[in-house]
Amino acid sequence: IGERVRVVPDHCCVVTNLFDEVHLIAGERVLETLPVAARGRMG
């Protein structure tokens, strides 16, 4: 818990749909946080 992990999904639609927002990261810095417009719209 609280550990940072890198996730590389093989198909982004299924994974992205599960989150309210995504974080754009470069190195250790968060560049931007964006809302996921498709949240909850699959299936």
Protein backbone atom coordinates (compact mmCIF):
# COMPACT_ATOMS: atom_id res chain seq x y z
CA ILE A 1 0.00 0.00 0.00
CA GLY A 2 1.34 3.38 -0.97
CA GLU A 3 3.98 1.90 -3.26
CA ARG A 4 4.32 3.44 -6.71
CA VAL A 5 4.10 0.90 -9.52
CA ARG A 6 4.30 1.22 -13.29
CA VAL A 7 1.37 -0.30 -15.17
CA VAL A 8 1.59 -0.98 -18.89
CA PRO A 9 -1.83 -2.23 -20.05
CA ASP A 10 -2.11 -4.20 -23.25
CA HIS A 11 -5.38 -2.50 -24.15
CA CYS A 12 -6.03 0.99 -22.75
CA CYS A 13 -9.83 1.13 -23.17
CA VAL A 14 -10.52 -1.45 -20.49
CA VAL A 15 -8.04 0.01 -18.01
CA THR A 16 -8.70 3.72 -18.58
CA ASN A 17 -12.43 3.19 -18.08
CA LEU A 18 -11.77 2.19 -14.45
CA PHE A 19 -10.28 5.52 -13.32
CA ASP A 20 -11.57 9.06 -12.83
CA GLU A 21 -8.32 10.68 -13.95
CA VAL A 22 -4.91 9.97 -15.48
CA HIS A 23 -1.58 11.51 -14.51
CA LEU A 24 0.99 12.48 -17.13
CA ILE A 25 4.41 11.85 -15.58
CA ALA A 26 7.97 12.61 -16.68
CA GLY A 27 10.57 11.06 -14.41
CA GLU A 28 9.45 11.86 -10.86
CA ARG A 29 7.37 14.89 -11.84
CA VAL A 30 3.62 14.96 -12.47
CA LEU A 31 3.17 17.17 -15.53
CA GLU A 32 -0.62 17.21 -15.65
CA THR A 33 -3.72 15.45 -14.34
CA LEU A 34 -6.54 14.90 -16.81
CA PRO A 35 -10.12 13.68 -16.29
CA VAL A 36 -11.21 10.45 -18.02
CA ALA A 37 -14.31 11.39 -20.01
CA ALA A 38 -15.12 7.73 -20.74
CA ARG A 39 -15.27 6.75 -17.05
CA GLY A 40 -17.89 4.03 -16.60
CA ARG A 41 -19.07 4.06 -20.23
CA MET A 42 -17.91 0.62 -21.36
CA GLY A 43 -19.93 -2.53 -21.11
